[in-house]
Amino acid sequence: MIRKLRSGEYRLYSRKIDPRTGRRRNLGTFKSRRAAVKHERAVQYFKRRG
């Protein structure tokens, strides 16, 4: 999940809510949406590659 911050940057959050905190985990902040999407794809790839 990607959200735009007030600063104009984009932050990548985990899809699931962290049971300990009740919030989504921050997976990185990026200057452009394109960079955030690229990182999200990388995260999904490494999650599933076994």
N, C-alpha and C. Protein backbone atom coordinates (compact mmCIF):
# COMPACT_ATOMS: atom_id res chain seq x y z
N MET A 1 0.84 -1.16 0.00
CA MET A 1 0.00 0.00 0.00
C MET A 1 0.90 1.24 0.00
N ILE A 2 0.66 2.13 -0.94
CA ILE A 2 1.47 3.34 -1.07
C ILE A 2 0.62 4.54 -0.72
N ARG A 3 1.15 5.40 0.13
CA ARG A 3 0.44 6.63 0.51
C ARG A 3 1.35 7.82 0.27
N LYS A 4 0.74 8.93 -0.17
CA LYS A 4 1.50 10.16 -0.36
C LYS A 4 1.52 10.94 0.95
N LEU A 5 2.71 11.39 1.34
CA LEU A 5 2.87 12.14 2.57
C LEU A 5 2.74 13.64 2.30
N ARG A 6 2.57 14.42 3.36
CA ARG A 6 2.47 15.88 3.21
C ARG A 6 3.73 16.48 2.59
N SER A 7 4.85 15.84 2.83
CA SER A 7 6.13 16.34 2.30
C SER A 7 6.26 16.12 0.79
N GLY A 8 5.31 15.37 0.21
CA GLY A 8 5.36 15.08 -1.22
C GLY A 8 6.01 13.75 -1.54
N GLU A 9 6.56 13.10 -0.52
CA GLU A 9 7.18 11.79 -0.71
C GLU A 9 6.11 10.71 -0.63
N TYR A 10 6.50 9.51 -1.02
CA TYR A 10 5.58 8.37 -0.99
C TYR A 10 6.11 7.33 -0.03
N ARG A 11 5.21 6.76 0.77
CA ARG A 11 5.63 5.76 1.75
C ARG A 11 4.93 4.44 1.44
N LEU A 12 5.73 3.38 1.50
CA LEU A 12 5.23 2.03 1.27
C LEU A 12 4.92 1.39 2.61
N TYR A 13 3.69 0.92 2.77
CA TYR A 13 3.26 0.24 4.00
C TYR A 13 2.95 -1.21 3.68
N SER A 14 3.07 -2.07 4.68
CA SER A 14 2.73 -3.48 4.50
C SER A 14 1.22 -3.59 4.26
N ARG A 15 0.81 -4.66 3.61
CA ARG A 15 -0.60 -4.87 3.31
C ARG A 15 -1.37 -5.28 4.55
N LYS A 16 -0.72 -6.07 5.41
CA LYS A 16 -1.38 -6.53 6.63
C LYS A 16 -1.05 -5.60 7.80
N ILE A 17 -1.94 -5.56 8.75
CA ILE A 17 -1.72 -4.77 9.96
C ILE A 17 -0.87 -5.58 10.93
N ASP A 18 0.13 -4.93 11.52
CA ASP A 18 1.01 -5.58 12.49
C ASP A 18 0.23 -5.83 13.78
N PRO A 19 0.09 -7.08 14.21
CA PRO A 19 -0.72 -7.37 15.40
C PRO A 19 -0.18 -6.75 16.69
N ARG A 20 1.13 -6.53 16.76
CA ARG A 20 1.71 -5.94 17.98
C ARG A 20 1.34 -4.47 18.14
N THR A 21 1.38 -3.72 17.05
CA THR A 21 1.16 -2.28 17.12
C THR A 21 -0.24 -1.86 16.68
N GLY A 22 -0.89 -2.70 15.89
CA GLY A 22 -2.20 -2.34 15.36
C GLY A 22 -2.13 -1.41 14.17
N ARG A 23 -0.91 -1.22 13.64
CA ARG A 23 -0.71 -0.34 12.48
C ARG A 23 0.01 -1.11 11.38
N ARG A 24 0.07 -0.49 10.22
CA ARG A 24 0.80 -1.10 9.11
C ARG A 24 2.29 -0.80 9.26
N ARG A 25 3.12 -1.73 8.86
CA ARG A 25 4.57 -1.55 8.98
C ARG A 25 5.09 -0.66 7.85
N ASN A 26 5.97 0.27 8.19
CA ASN A 26 6.59 1.15 7.21
C ASN A 26 7.68 0.36 6.47
N LEU A 27 7.56 0.26 5.14
CA LEU A 27 8.53 -0.50 4.34
C LEU A 27 9.43 0.42 3.52
N GLY A 28 9.42 1.70 3.82
CA GLY A 28 10.32 2.62 3.13
C GLY A 28 9.63 3.86 2.62
N THR A 29 10.41 4.93 2.49
CA THR A 29 9.92 6.21 1.98
C THR A 29 10.71 6.55 0.72
N PHE A 30 9.99 7.02 -0.30
CA PHE A 30 10.61 7.25 -1.61
C PHE A 30 10.23 8.61 -2.17
N LYS A 31 11.11 9.18 -2.99
CA LYS A 31 10.86 10.50 -3.56
C LYS A 31 9.77 10.48 -4.63
N SER A 32 9.65 9.36 -5.35
CA SER A 32 8.64 9.28 -6.42
C SER A 32 7.77 8.04 -6.24
N ARG A 33 6.57 8.11 -6.79
CA ARG A 33 5.65 6.98 -6.72
C ARG A 33 6.22 5.79 -7.50
N ARG A 34 6.87 6.11 -8.60
CA ARG A 34 7.46 5.06 -9.43
C ARG A 34 8.48 4.22 -8.65
N ALA A 35 9.29 4.89 -7.83
CA ALA A 35 10.29 4.19 -7.02
C ALA A 35 9.60 3.32 -5.97
N ALA A 36 8.50 3.82 -5.39
CA ALA A 36 7.77 3.05 -4.38
C ALA A 36 7.14 1.81 -4.99
N VAL A 37 6.58 1.94 -6.19
CA VAL A 37 5.98 0.80 -6.88
C VAL A 37 7.05 -0.24 -7.20
N LYS A 38 8.21 0.24 -7.64
CA LYS A 38 9.33 -0.67 -7.96
C LYS A 38 9.75 -1.46 -6.73
N HIS A 39 9.84 -0.78 -5.60
CA HIS A 39 10.25 -1.47 -4.37
C HIS A 39 9.16 -2.44 -3.90
N GLU A 40 7.90 -2.06 -4.07
CA GLU A 40 6.81 -2.95 -3.67
C GLU A 40 6.86 -4.25 -4.47
N ARG A 41 7.15 -4.15 -5.75
CA ARG A 41 7.28 -5.36 -6.58
C ARG A 41 8.43 -6.23 -6.11
N ALA A 42 9.53 -5.60 -5.73
CA ALA A 42 10.69 -6.35 -5.23
C ALA A 42 10.33 -7.07 -3.93
N VAL A 43 9.61 -6.39 -3.05
CA VAL A 43 9.19 -6.99 -1.78
C VAL A 43 8.32 -8.20 -2.06
N GLN A 44 7.34 -8.07 -2.96
CA GLN A 44 6.44 -9.18 -3.27
C GLN A 44 7.21 -10.35 -3.88
N TYR A 45 8.18 -10.06 -4.73
CA TYR A 45 8.99 -11.11 -5.36
C TYR A 45 9.75 -11.90 -4.29
N PHE A 46 10.43 -11.22 -3.38
CA PHE A 46 11.24 -11.92 -2.38
C PHE A 46 10.37 -12.65 -1.35
N LYS A 47 9.14 -12.14 -1.15
CA LYS A 47 8.22 -12.81 -0.24
C LYS A 47 7.81 -14.19 -0.78
N ARG A 48 7.72 -14.28 -2.09
CA ARG A 48 7.14 -15.48 -2.70
C ARG A 48 8.14 -16.44 -3.32
N ARG A 49 9.40 -16.06 -3.41
CA ARG A 49 10.35 -16.89 -4.18
C ARG A 49 10.75 -18.18 -3.50
N GLY A 50 10.43 -18.30 -2.18
CA GLY A 50 10.70 -19.56 -1.51
C GLY A 50 12.10 -19.68 -1.15
